[in-house]
Amino acid sequence: PTPAAANPSLEEPLLKPLSDREREILQLIAKGVSNSEAARLLSLSKATIRTHLEHIYRKLEVTNRVEAVTEGIRKGLISV
């Protein structure tokens, strides 16, 4: 079978694609960076980071950071 057939999630498009900023934040989260540290690194507020994470969770249809990172890797959005 093809990789997509073996892993159906590869065929499933996101409801809405992640923005460049959302992908950047997801990549930082995958590296274990806290919300506070991500905010400092990106010169954003912690509230803005939380808002981006909420959007990421909704778009990836997950409920937490671990699931978001797992889905991000599985869908080829980020690497570790």
PDB file of N, CA and C in Angstrom:
ATOM      1  N   PRO A   1       0.824  -1.201   0.000  1.00  0.00           N
ATOM      2  CA  PRO A   1       0.000   0.000   0.000  1.00  0.00           C
ATOM      3  C   PRO A   1       0.863   1.258   0.000  1.00  0.00           C
ATOM      4  N   THR A   2       0.311   2.330  -0.504  1.00  0.00           N
ATOM      5  CA  THR A   2       1.014   3.611  -0.501  1.00  0.00           C
ATOM      6  C   THR A   2       1.065   4.148   0.919  1.00  0.00           C
ATOM      7  N   PRO A   3       1.994   5.090   1.202  1.00  0.00           N
ATOM      8  CA  PRO A   3       2.037   5.664   2.555  1.00  0.00           C
ATOM      9  C   PRO A   3       0.704   6.273   2.969  1.00  0.00           C
ATOM     10  N   ALA A   4       0.016   6.917   2.037  1.00  0.00           N
ATOM     11  CA  ALA A   4      -1.272   7.524   2.379  1.00  0.00           C
ATOM     12  C   ALA A   4      -2.311   6.462   2.707  1.00  0.00           C
ATOM     13  N   ALA A   5      -2.274   5.333   1.996  1.00  0.00           N
ATOM     14  CA  ALA A   5      -3.226   4.256   2.280  1.00  0.00           C
ATOM     15  C   ALA A   5      -2.925   3.618   3.624  1.00  0.00           C
ATOM     16  N   ALA A   6      -1.641   3.511   3.959  1.00  0.00           N
ATOM     17  CA  ALA A   6      -1.248   2.931   5.235  1.00  0.00           C
ATOM     18  C   ALA A   6      -1.555   3.878   6.386  1.00  0.00           C
ATOM     19  N   ASN A   7      -1.588   5.169   6.109  1.00  0.00           N
ATOM     20  CA  ASN A   7      -1.837   6.170   7.133  1.00  0.00           C
ATOM     21  C   ASN A   7      -2.884   7.143   6.605  1.00  0.00           C
ATOM     22  N   PRO A   8      -4.156   6.834   6.805  1.00  0.00           N
ATOM     23  CA  PRO A   8      -5.225   7.655   6.236  1.00  0.00           C
ATOM     24  C   PRO A   8      -5.160   9.127   6.613  1.00  0.00           C
ATOM     25  N   SER A   9      -4.559   9.478   7.757  1.00  0.00           N
ATOM     26  CA  SER A   9      -4.517  10.883   8.157  1.00  0.00           C
ATOM     27  C   SER A   9      -3.725  11.720   7.168  1.00  0.00           C
ATOM     28  N   LEU A  10      -2.818  11.083   6.402  1.00  0.00           N
ATOM     29  CA  LEU A  10      -2.053  11.836   5.413  1.00  0.00           C
ATOM     30  C   LEU A  10      -2.945  12.331   4.283  1.00  0.00           C
ATOM     31  N   GLU A  11      -4.072  11.690   4.079  1.00  0.00           N
ATOM     32  CA  GLU A  11      -4.994  12.093   3.028  1.00  0.00           C
ATOM     33  C   GLU A  11      -5.974  13.159   3.506  1.00  0.00           C
ATOM     34  N   GLU A  12      -6.126  13.285   4.798  1.00  0.00           N
ATOM     35  CA  GLU A  12      -7.124  14.192   5.346  1.00  0.00           C
ATOM     36  C   GLU A  12      -6.587  15.616   5.363  1.00  0.00           C
ATOM     37  N   PRO A  13      -7.174  16.511   4.586  1.00  0.00           N
ATOM     38  CA  PRO A  13      -6.725  17.897   4.654  1.00  0.00           C
ATOM     39  C   PRO A  13      -7.187  18.528   5.967  1.00  0.00           C
ATOM     40  N   LEU A  14      -6.436  19.497   6.432  1.00  0.00           N
ATOM     41  CA  LEU A  14      -6.856  20.232   7.617  1.00  0.00           C
ATOM     42  C   LEU A  14      -8.129  20.991   7.276  1.00  0.00           C
ATOM     43  N   LEU A  15      -8.970  21.197   8.281  1.00  0.00           N
ATOM     44  CA  LEU A  15     -10.165  21.997   8.057  1.00  0.00           C
ATOM     45  C   LEU A  15      -9.754  23.360   7.518  1.00  0.00           C
ATOM     46  N   LYS A  16      -8.704  23.901   8.091  1.00  0.00           N
ATOM     47  CA  LYS A  16      -8.139  25.167   7.663  1.00  0.00           C
ATOM     48  C   LYS A  16      -6.641  25.058   7.932  1.00  0.00           C
ATOM     49  N   PRO A  17      -5.790  25.421   6.977  1.00  0.00           N
ATOM     50  CA  PRO A  17      -4.352  25.241   7.194  1.00  0.00           C
ATOM     51  C   PRO A  17      -3.822  26.129   8.319  1.00  0.00           C
ATOM     52  N   LEU A  18      -2.754  25.656   8.953  1.00  0.00           N
ATOM     53  CA  LEU A  18      -2.107  26.460   9.982  1.00  0.00           C
ATOM     54  C   LEU A  18      -1.401  27.636   9.325  1.00  0.00           C
ATOM     55  N   SER A  19      -1.445  28.773   9.992  1.00  0.00           N
ATOM     56  CA  SER A  19      -0.701  29.940   9.513  1.00  0.00           C
ATOM     57  C   SER A  19       0.787  29.710   9.768  1.00  0.00           C
ATOM     58  N   ASP A  20       1.616  30.522   9.151  1.00  0.00           N
ATOM     59  CA  ASP A  20       3.057  30.421   9.385  1.00  0.00           C
ATOM     60  C   ASP A  20       3.370  30.592  10.872  1.00  0.00           C
ATOM     61  N   ARG A  21       2.707  31.536  11.524  1.00  0.00           N
ATOM     62  CA  ARG A  21       2.945  31.784  12.951  1.00  0.00           C
ATOM     63  C   ARG A  21       2.511  30.581  13.779  1.00  0.00           C
ATOM     64  N   GLU A  22       1.372  29.991  13.444  1.00  0.00           N
ATOM     65  CA  GLU A  22       0.907  28.812  14.175  1.00  0.00           C
ATOM     66  C   GLU A  22       1.890  27.658  14.023  1.00  0.00           C
ATOM     67  N   ARG A  23       2.416  27.470  12.825  1.00  0.00           N
ATOM     68  CA  ARG A  23       3.415  26.415  12.612  1.00  0.00           C
ATOM     69  C   ARG A  23       4.676  26.706  13.416  1.00  0.00           C
ATOM     70  N   GLU A  24       5.063  27.971  13.457  1.00  0.00           N
ATOM     71  CA  GLU A  24       6.247  28.368  14.221  1.00  0.00           C
ATOM     72  C   GLU A  24       6.051  28.060  15.710  1.00  0.00           C
ATOM     73  N   ILE A  25       4.886  28.382  16.226  1.00  0.00           N
ATOM     74  CA  ILE A  25       4.583  28.115  17.633  1.00  0.00           C
ATOM     75  C   ILE A  25       4.512  26.612  17.881  1.00  0.00           C
ATOM     76  N   LEU A  26       3.882  25.877  16.999  1.00  0.00           N
ATOM     77  CA  LEU A  26       3.798  24.427  17.156  1.00  0.00           C
ATOM     78  C   LEU A  26       5.194  23.807  17.162  1.00  0.00           C
ATOM     79  N   GLN A  27       6.088  24.313  16.321  1.00  0.00           N
ATOM     80  CA  GLN A  27       7.464  23.807  16.289  1.00  0.00           C
ATOM     81  C   GLN A  27       8.159  24.073  17.628  1.00  0.00           C
ATOM     82  N   LEU A  28       7.955  25.254  18.196  1.00  0.00           N
ATOM     83  CA  LEU A  28       8.548  25.568  19.503  1.00  0.00           C
ATOM     84  C   LEU A  28       7.987  24.652  20.586  1.00  0.00           C
ATOM     85  N   ILE A  29       6.684  24.431  20.550  1.00  0.00           N
ATOM     86  CA  ILE A  29       6.045  23.554  21.534  1.00  0.00           C
ATOM     87  C   ILE A  29       6.626  22.144  21.420  1.00  0.00           C
ATOM     88  N   ALA A  30       6.865  21.701  20.191  1.00  0.00           N
ATOM     89  CA  ALA A  30       7.444  20.367  19.973  1.00  0.00           C
ATOM     90  C   ALA A  30       8.832  20.260  20.598  1.00  0.00           C
ATOM     91  N   LYS A  31       9.528  21.384  20.696  1.00  0.00           N
ATOM     92  CA  LYS A  31      10.865  21.399  21.304  1.00  0.00           C
ATOM     93  C   LYS A  31      10.800  21.535  22.821  1.00  0.00           C
ATOM     94  N   GLY A  32       9.581  21.605  23.362  1.00  0.00           N
ATOM     95  CA  GLY A  32       9.421  21.676  24.807  1.00  0.00           C
ATOM     96  C   GLY A  32       9.428  23.079  25.383  1.00  0.00           C
ATOM     97  N   VAL A  33       9.289  24.074  24.521  1.00  0.00           N
ATOM     98  CA  VAL A  33       9.295  25.469  24.967  1.00  0.00           C
ATOM     99  C   VAL A  33       7.956  25.789  25.636  1.00  0.00           C
ATOM    100  N   SER A  34       7.999  26.482  26.753  1.00  0.00           N
ATOM    101  CA  SER A  34       6.778  26.878  27.462  1.00  0.00           C
ATOM    102  C   SER A  34       6.100  28.039  26.735  1.00  0.00           C
ATOM    103  N   ASN A  35       4.857  28.308  27.103  1.00  0.00           N
ATOM    104  CA  ASN A  35       4.152  29.455  26.527  1.00  0.00           C
ATOM    105  C   ASN A  35       4.895  30.750  26.822  1.00  0.00           C
ATOM    106  N   SER A  36       5.372  30.895  28.046  1.00  0.00           N
ATOM    107  CA  SER A  36       6.095  32.111  28.428  1.00  0.00           C
ATOM    108  C   SER A  36       7.356  32.287  27.601  1.00  0.00           C
ATOM    109  N   GLU A  37       8.095  31.204  27.426  1.00  0.00           N
ATOM    110  CA  GLU A  37       9.330  31.268  26.649  1.00  0.00           C
ATOM    111  C   GLU A  37       9.026  31.524  25.172  1.00  0.00           C
ATOM    112  N   ALA A  38       7.989  30.901  24.634  1.00  0.00           N
ATOM    113  CA  ALA A  38       7.598  31.147  23.237  1.00  0.00           C
ATOM    114  C   ALA A  38       7.231  32.615  23.052  1.00  0.00           C
ATOM    115  N   ALA A  39       6.505  33.165  24.012  1.00  0.00           N
ATOM    116  CA  ALA A  39       6.131  34.578  23.947  1.00  0.00           C
ATOM    117  C   ALA A  39       7.378  35.461  23.921  1.00  0.00           C
ATOM    118  N   ARG A  40       8.342  35.152  24.768  1.00  0.00           N
ATOM    119  CA  ARG A  40       9.577  35.939  24.809  1.00  0.00           C
ATOM    120  C   ARG A  40      10.345  35.811  23.496  1.00  0.00           C
ATOM    121  N   LEU A  41      10.485  34.584  23.004  1.00  0.00           N
ATOM    122  CA  LEU A  41      11.248  34.347  21.773  1.00  0.00           C
ATOM    123  C   LEU A  41      10.626  35.029  20.555  1.00  0.00           C
ATOM    124  N   LEU A  42       9.307  35.096  20.528  1.00  0.00           N
ATOM    125  CA  LEU A  42       8.603  35.650  19.367  1.00  0.00           C
ATOM    126  C   LEU A  42       8.138  37.089  19.581  1.00  0.00           C
ATOM    127  N   SER A  43       8.486  37.665  20.725  1.00  0.00           N
ATOM    128  CA  SER A  43       8.078  39.034  21.069  1.00  0.00           C
ATOM    129  C   SER A  43       6.557  39.196  21.010  1.00  0.00           C
ATOM    130  N   LEU A  44       5.871  38.219  21.596  1.00  0.00           N
ATOM    131  CA  LEU A  44       4.415  38.235  21.686  1.00  0.00           C
ATOM    132  C   LEU A  44       4.012  38.133  23.149  1.00  0.00           C
ATOM    133  N   SER A  45       2.754  38.412  23.442  1.00  0.00           N
ATOM    134  CA  SER A  45       2.267  38.224  24.808  1.00  0.00           C
ATOM    135  C   SER A  45       1.909  36.751  25.019  1.00  0.00           C
ATOM    136  N   LYS A  46       1.869  36.355  26.293  1.00  0.00           N
ATOM    137  CA  LYS A  46       1.448  34.984  26.605  1.00  0.00           C
ATOM    138  C   LYS A  46       0.011  34.746  26.138  1.00  0.00           C
ATOM    139  N   ALA A  47      -0.819  35.772  26.239  1.00  0.00           N
ATOM    140  CA  ALA A  47      -2.211  35.641  25.796  1.00  0.00           C
ATOM    141  C   ALA A  47      -2.278  35.363  24.292  1.00  0.00           C
ATOM    142  N   THR A  48      -1.406  35.995  23.530  1.00  0.00           N
ATOM    143  CA  THR A  48      -1.380  35.764  22.083  1.00  0.00           C
ATOM    144  C   THR A  48      -0.938  34.337  21.781  1.00  0.00           C
ATOM    145  N   ILE A  49       0.040  33.846  22.520  1.00  0.00           N
ATOM    146  CA  ILE A  49       0.486  32.457  22.344  1.00  0.00           C
ATOM    147  C   ILE A  49      -0.675  31.512  22.642  1.00  0.00           C
ATOM    148  N   ARG A  50      -1.392  31.763  23.743  1.00  0.00           N
ATOM    149  CA  ARG A  50      -2.538  30.914  24.098  1.00  0.00           C
ATOM    150  C   ARG A  50      -3.605  30.937  22.998  1.00  0.00           C
ATOM    151  N   THR A  51      -3.856  32.111  22.434  1.00  0.00           N
ATOM    152  CA  THR A  51      -4.838  32.221  21.349  1.00  0.00           C
ATOM    153  C   THR A  51      -4.394  31.411  20.139  1.00  0.00           C
ATOM    154  N   HIS A  52      -3.120  31.526  19.775  1.00  0.00           N
ATOM    155  CA  HIS A  52      -2.604  30.733  18.657  1.00  0.00           C
ATOM    156  C   HIS A  52      -2.740  29.241  18.949  1.00  0.00           C
ATOM    157  N   LEU A  53      -2.448  28.831  20.180  1.00  0.00           N
ATOM    158  CA  LEU A  53      -2.576  27.416  20.540  1.00  0.00           C
ATOM    159  C   LEU A  53      -4.023  26.947  20.422  1.00  0.00           C
ATOM    160  N   GLU A  54      -4.962  27.775  20.837  1.00  0.00           N
ATOM    161  CA  GLU A  54      -6.377  27.414  20.696  1.00  0.00           C
ATOM    162  C   GLU A  54      -6.729  27.201  19.225  1.00  0.00           C
ATOM    163  N   HIS A  55      -6.215  28.067  18.361  1.00  0.00           N
ATOM    164  CA  HIS A  55      -6.467  27.922  16.922  1.00  0.00           C
ATOM    165  C   HIS A  55      -5.831  26.640  16.390  1.00  0.00           C
ATOM    166  N   ILE A  56      -4.615  26.356  16.841  1.00  0.00           N
ATOM    167  CA  ILE A  56      -3.914  25.131  16.427  1.00  0.00           C
ATOM    168  C   ILE A  56      -4.726  23.909  16.845  1.00  0.00           C
ATOM    169  N   TYR A  57      -5.167  23.886  18.103  1.00  0.00           N
ATOM    170  CA  TYR A  57      -5.942  22.746  18.606  1.00  0.00           C
ATOM    171  C   TYR A  57      -7.201  22.540  17.771  1.00  0.00           C
ATOM    172  N   ARG A  58      -7.889  23.634  17.486  1.00  0.00           N
ATOM    173  CA  ARG A  58      -9.135  23.536  16.718  1.00  0.00           C
ATOM    174  C   ARG A  58      -8.849  23.024  15.302  1.00  0.00           C
ATOM    175  N   LYS A  59      -7.838  23.566  14.659  1.00  0.00           N
ATOM    176  CA  LYS A  59      -7.522  23.168  13.284  1.00  0.00           C
ATOM    177  C   LYS A  59      -7.044  21.721  13.196  1.00  0.00           C
ATOM    178  N   LEU A  60      -6.304  21.271  14.201  1.00  0.00           N
ATOM    179  CA  LEU A  60      -5.803  19.893  14.194  1.00  0.00           C
ATOM    180  C   LEU A  60      -6.785  18.921  14.847  1.00  0.00           C
ATOM    181  N   GLU A  61      -7.871  19.468  15.411  1.00  0.00           N
ATOM    182  CA  GLU A  61      -8.891  18.677  16.098  1.00  0.00           C
ATOM    183  C   GLU A  61      -8.292  17.869  17.243  1.00  0.00           C
ATOM    184  N   VAL A  62      -7.550  18.569  18.111  1.00  0.00           N
ATOM    185  CA  VAL A  62      -6.930  17.965  19.285  1.00  0.00           C
ATOM    186  C   VAL A  62      -7.288  18.799  20.508  1.00  0.00           C
ATOM    187  N   THR A  63      -6.892  18.305  21.690  1.00  0.00           N
ATOM    188  CA  THR A  63      -7.257  19.022  22.915  1.00  0.00           C
ATOM    189  C   THR A  63      -6.079  19.407  23.792  1.00  0.00           C
ATOM    190  N   ASN A  64      -4.859  19.009  23.405  1.00  0.00           N
ATOM    191  CA  ASN A  64      -3.714  19.370  24.243  1.00  0.00           C
ATOM    192  C   ASN A  64      -2.432  19.440  23.420  1.00  0.00           C
ATOM    193  N   ARG A  65      -1.355  19.889  24.082  1.00  0.00           N
ATOM    194  CA  ARG A  65      -0.071  20.104  23.412  1.00  0.00           C
ATOM    195  C   ARG A  65       0.507  18.821  22.829  1.00  0.00           C
ATOM    196  N   VAL A  66       0.433  17.742  23.592  1.00  0.00           N
ATOM    197  CA  VAL A  66       1.007  16.476  23.126  1.00  0.00           C
ATOM    198  C   VAL A  66       0.292  16.013  21.860  1.00  0.00           C
ATOM    199  N   GLU A  67      -1.027  16.059  21.872  1.00  0.00           N
ATOM    200  CA  GLU A  67      -1.790  15.666  20.688  1.00  0.00           C
ATOM    201  C   GLU A  67      -1.484  16.592  19.512  1.00  0.00           C
ATOM    202  N   ALA A  68      -1.342  17.883  19.773  1.00  0.00           N
ATOM    203  CA  ALA A  68      -1.048  18.841  18.702  1.00  0.00           C
ATOM    204  C   ALA A  68       0.290  18.529  18.050  1.00  0.00           C
ATOM    205  N   VAL A  69       1.301  18.272  18.870  1.00  0.00           N
ATOM    206  CA  VAL A  69       2.626  17.947  18.335  1.00  0.00           C
ATOM    207  C   VAL A  69       2.569  16.638  17.552  1.00  0.00           C
ATOM    208  N   THR A  70       1.900  15.642  18.117  1.00  0.00           N
ATOM    209  CA  THR A  70       1.782  14.347  17.440  1.00  0.00           C
ATOM    210  C   THR A  70       1.113  14.505  16.076  1.00  0.00           C
ATOM    211  N   GLU A  71       0.009  15.228  16.029  1.00  0.00           N
ATOM    212  CA  GLU A  71      -0.697  15.454  14.760  1.00  0.00           C
ATOM    213  C   GLU A  71       0.143  16.294  13.805  1.00  0.00           C
ATOM    214  N   GLY A  72       0.821  17.300  14.341  1.00  0.00           N
ATOM    215  CA  GLY A  72       1.674  18.141  13.505  1.00  0.00           C
ATOM    216  C   GLY A  72       2.762  17.339  12.822  1.00  0.00           C
ATOM    217  N   ILE A  73       3.368  16.414  13.560  1.00  0.00           N
ATOM    218  CA  ILE A  73       4.407  15.550  12.987  1.00  0.00           C
ATOM    219  C   ILE A  73       3.782  14.605  11.973  1.00  0.00           C
ATOM    220  N   ARG A  74       2.668  13.989  12.353  1.00  0.00           N
ATOM    221  CA  ARG A  74       2.021  13.009  11.480  1.00  0.00           C
ATOM    222  C   ARG A  74       1.573  13.627  10.160  1.00  0.00           C
ATOM    223  N   LYS A  75       1.146  14.881  10.213  1.00  0.00           N
ATOM    224  CA  LYS A  75       0.679  15.553   9.002  1.00  0.00           C
ATOM    225  C   LYS A  75       1.811  16.271   8.265  1.00  0.00           C
ATOM    226  N   GLY A  76       3.028  16.152   8.775  1.00  0.00           N
ATOM    227  CA  GLY A  76       4.171  16.758   8.099  1.00  0.00           C
ATOM    228  C   GLY A  76       4.257  18.266   8.244  1.00  0.00           C
ATOM    229  N   LEU A  77       3.603  18.819   9.272  1.00  0.00           N
ATOM    230  CA  LEU A  77       3.610  20.262   9.476  1.00  0.00           C
ATOM    231  C   LEU A  77       4.854  20.736  10.208  1.00  0.00           C
ATOM    232  N   ILE A  78       5.403  19.862  11.048  1.00  0.00           N
ATOM    233  CA  ILE A  78       6.605  20.185  11.820  1.00  0.00           C
ATOM    234  C   ILE A  78       7.515  18.970  11.841  1.00  0.00           C
ATOM    235  N   SER A  79       8.740  19.190  12.265  1.00  0.00           N
ATOM    236  CA  SER A  79       9.684  18.081  12.437  1.00  0.00           C
ATOM    237  C   SER A  79      10.327  18.209  13.806  1.00  0.00           C
ATOM    238  N   VAL A  80      10.875  17.107  14.276  1.00  0.00           N
ATOM    239  CA  VAL A  80      11.553  17.123  15.577  1.00  0.00           C
ATOM    240  C   VAL A  80      13.001  16.720  15.420  1.00  0.00           C
TER     241      VAL A  80
END
